[in-house]
Amino acid sequence: MENFSQVIASQKLLWQQAQQALQQLQLEEAKYQQQRQDLHQRQKALLESRKDLLGSCQFAIADWNDHHSSNRYFREEAQSINHDLLMLRQRISEQAAAVFSLRQTYDSLLTQAKREASLLQQREQAKQDQAFLDQQPSRSTSAWSGISKAS
């Protein structure tokens, strides 16, 4: 009877630990979703800013090219701005690729953590089921004891 109480106590402790791990996982998932939303908003703002900057620069370049096409200084300035725009586009693309990679990594880790939590819960349930079955009297043992009493 004492062993049974110890088994129940240990199973309860394991179950509580599994529940705590699941709650922690849920908190981490909520934090991840908030960070993902924040990142999405920052990406949208960055894209809008980039569009505004590109539009302004393209307008300035077109204006310079129209009014000062014969002036070498303005052509060089336009080329410099085009180069700066190209570099800006490249940096934005690299940052977007890095964000995408981080998002994929986090999604993968989150999926793995959920899978592990599920396996832990399944193991705990299997242990509880086995402990319950171990506490039940065996039918063959009961049958043999009945026969021996009858003889």
Protein backbone atom coordinates (compact mmCIF):
# COMPACT_ATOMS: atom_id res chain seq x y z
CA MET A 1 0.00 0.00 0.00
CA GLU A 2 2.90 2.32 0.77
CA ASN A 3 4.45 1.55 -2.65
CA PHE A 4 1.14 2.36 -4.29
CA SER A 5 1.05 5.73 -2.51
CA GLN A 6 4.61 6.43 -3.58
CA VAL A 7 3.79 5.50 -7.18
CA ILE A 8 0.76 7.79 -7.14
CA ALA A 9 2.78 10.62 -5.59
CA SER A 10 5.56 10.23 -8.16
CA GLN A 11 3.02 10.06 -10.99
CA LYS A 12 1.34 13.21 -9.71
CA LEU A 13 4.71 14.96 -9.55
CA LEU A 14 5.58 13.86 -13.08
CA TRP A 15 2.17 14.98 -14.29
CA GLN A 16 2.61 18.39 -12.64
CA GLN A 17 6.04 18.73 -14.23
CA ALA A 18 4.58 17.86 -17.62
CA GLN A 19 1.81 20.43 -17.11
CA GLN A 20 4.38 23.07 -16.13
CA ALA A 21 6.47 22.27 -19.20
CA LEU A 22 3.36 22.58 -21.37
CA GLN A 23 2.45 25.91 -19.76
CA GLN A 24 5.99 27.17 -20.34
CA LEU A 25 5.75 26.07 -23.96
CA GLN A 26 2.45 27.90 -24.33
CA LEU A 27 3.97 31.06 -22.84
CA GLU A 28 6.92 30.80 -25.21
CA GLU A 29 4.55 30.32 -28.14
CA ALA A 30 2.54 33.42 -27.15
CA LYS A 31 5.77 35.42 -26.84
CA TYR A 32 6.89 34.13 -30.24
CA GLN A 33 3.56 35.11 -31.83
CA GLN A 34 3.87 38.63 -30.37
CA GLN A 35 7.45 38.94 -31.60
CA ARG A 36 6.36 37.69 -35.01
CA GLN A 37 3.60 40.29 -35.15
CA ASP A 38 6.02 43.04 -34.09
CA LEU A 39 8.50 41.91 -36.71
CA HIS A 40 5.79 41.92 -39.36
CA GLN A 41 4.82 45.49 -38.43
CA ARG A 42 8.46 46.61 -38.56
CA GLN A 43 8.87 44.94 -41.94
CA LYS A 44 5.82 46.75 -43.27
CA ALA A 45 7.11 50.08 -41.95
CA LEU A 46 10.55 49.42 -43.42
CA LEU A 47 9.03 48.52 -46.78
CA GLU A 48 6.94 51.70 -46.80
CA SER A 49 9.97 53.77 -45.85
CA ARG A 50 11.98 52.07 -48.57
CA LYS A 51 9.28 52.78 -51.14
CA ASP A 52 9.16 56.44 -50.11
CA LEU A 53 12.95 56.74 -50.24
CA LEU A 54 13.16 55.01 -53.60
CA GLY A 55 10.41 57.19 -55.01
CA SER A 56 12.09 60.34 -53.78
CA CYS A 57 15.46 59.32 -55.13
CA GLN A 58 14.05 58.23 -58.46
CA PHE A 59 12.20 61.52 -58.76
CA ALA A 60 15.38 63.44 -57.94
CA ILE A 61 17.39 61.40 -60.43
CA ALA A 62 14.82 61.89 -63.16
CA ASP A 63 14.66 65.61 -62.41
CA TRP A 64 18.45 65.94 -62.51
CA ASN A 65 18.67 63.93 -65.69
CA ASP A 66 15.98 66.07 -67.37
CA HIS A 67 17.35 69.46 -66.37
CA HIS A 68 21.06 68.81 -66.24
CA SER A 69 21.71 65.99 -68.65
CA SER A 70 24.66 67.78 -70.18
CA ASN A 71 26.24 68.54 -66.83
CA ARG A 72 28.79 65.88 -65.87
CA TYR A 73 28.55 66.70 -62.15
CA PHE A 74 24.86 65.88 -62.03
CA ARG A 75 25.34 62.66 -63.98
CA GLU A 76 27.99 61.57 -61.50
CA GLU A 77 25.72 62.47 -58.60
CA ALA A 78 22.91 60.48 -60.21
CA GLN A 79 25.22 57.50 -60.60
CA SER A 80 26.27 57.81 -56.98
CA ILE A 81 22.65 57.90 -55.85
CA ASN A 82 21.84 54.91 -58.06
CA HIS A 83 24.76 53.05 -56.49
CA ASP A 84 23.54 54.00 -53.00
CA LEU A 85 20.04 52.78 -53.90
CA LEU A 86 21.44 49.51 -55.17
CA MET A 87 23.40 49.03 -51.94
CA LEU A 88 20.30 49.89 -49.89
CA ARG A 89 18.23 47.34 -51.81
CA GLN A 90 20.92 44.73 -51.25
CA ARG A 91 21.05 45.42 -47.48
CA ILE A 92 17.26 45.25 -47.23
CA SER A 93 17.24 41.95 -49.13
CA GLU A 94 19.94 40.51 -46.86
CA GLN A 95 18.04 41.60 -43.76
CA ALA A 96 14.81 40.12 -45.09
CA ALA A 97 16.60 36.83 -45.82
CA ALA A 98 18.04 36.78 -42.30
CA VAL A 99 14.63 37.46 -40.76
CA PHE A 100 13.08 34.72 -42.89
CA SER A 101 15.80 32.27 -41.83
CA LEU A 102 15.31 33.13 -38.15
CA ARG A 103 11.57 32.71 -38.49
CA GLN A 104 12.02 29.27 -40.06
CA THR A 105 14.45 28.22 -37.35
CA TYR A 106 12.12 29.37 -34.59
CA ASP A 107 9.12 27.65 -36.22
CA SER A 108 11.16 24.44 -36.46
CA LEU A 109 12.24 24.64 -32.82
CA LEU A 110 8.69 25.36 -31.69
CA THR A 111 7.37 22.36 -33.63
CA GLN A 112 10.05 20.13 -32.12
CA ALA A 113 9.27 21.37 -28.59
CA LYS A 114 5.57 20.67 -29.09
CA ARG A 115 6.36 17.19 -30.37
CA GLU A 116 8.58 16.50 -27.34
CA ALA A 117 5.94 17.77 -24.93
CA SER A 118 3.37 15.52 -26.58
CA LEU A 119 5.70 12.51 -26.29
CA LEU A 120 6.31 13.33 -22.62
CA GLN A 121 2.58 13.43 -21.97
CA GLN A 122 2.10 10.13 -23.80
CA ARG A 123 4.85 8.50 -21.73
CA GLU A 124 3.36 9.81 -18.51
CA GLN A 125 -0.05 8.50 -19.51
CA ALA A 126 1.44 5.11 -20.39
CA LYS A 127 3.18 4.96 -16.99
CA GLN A 128 -0.07 5.81 -15.23
CA ASP A 129 -1.94 3.20 -17.24
CA GLN A 130 0.72 0.58 -16.47
CA ALA A 131 0.70 1.47 -12.76
CA PHE A 132 -3.08 1.09 -12.74
CA LEU A 133 -2.88 -2.29 -14.50
CA ASP A 134 -0.14 -3.46 -12.13
CA GLN A 135 -2.42 -2.70 -9.17
CA GLN A 136 -5.27 -4.81 -10.60
CA PRO A 137 -5.38 -8.48 -9.51
CA SER A 138 -4.51 -10.84 -12.34
CA ARG A 139 -7.35 -13.08 -13.55
CA SER A 140 -5.10 -16.13 -13.83
CA THR A 141 -3.81 -15.60 -10.27
CA SER A 142 -7.38 -15.31 -8.99
CA ALA A 143 -8.40 -18.45 -10.83
CA TRP A 144 -5.49 -20.48 -9.41
CA SER A 145 -6.15 -19.30 -5.88
CA GLY A 146 -9.79 -20.30 -6.24
CA ILE A 147 -8.83 -23.79 -7.42
CA SER A 148 -6.33 -24.32 -4.62
CA LYS A 149 -8.91 -23.27 -2.02
CA ALA A 150 -11.45 -25.63 -3.49
CA SER A 151 -9.10 -28.64 -3.25
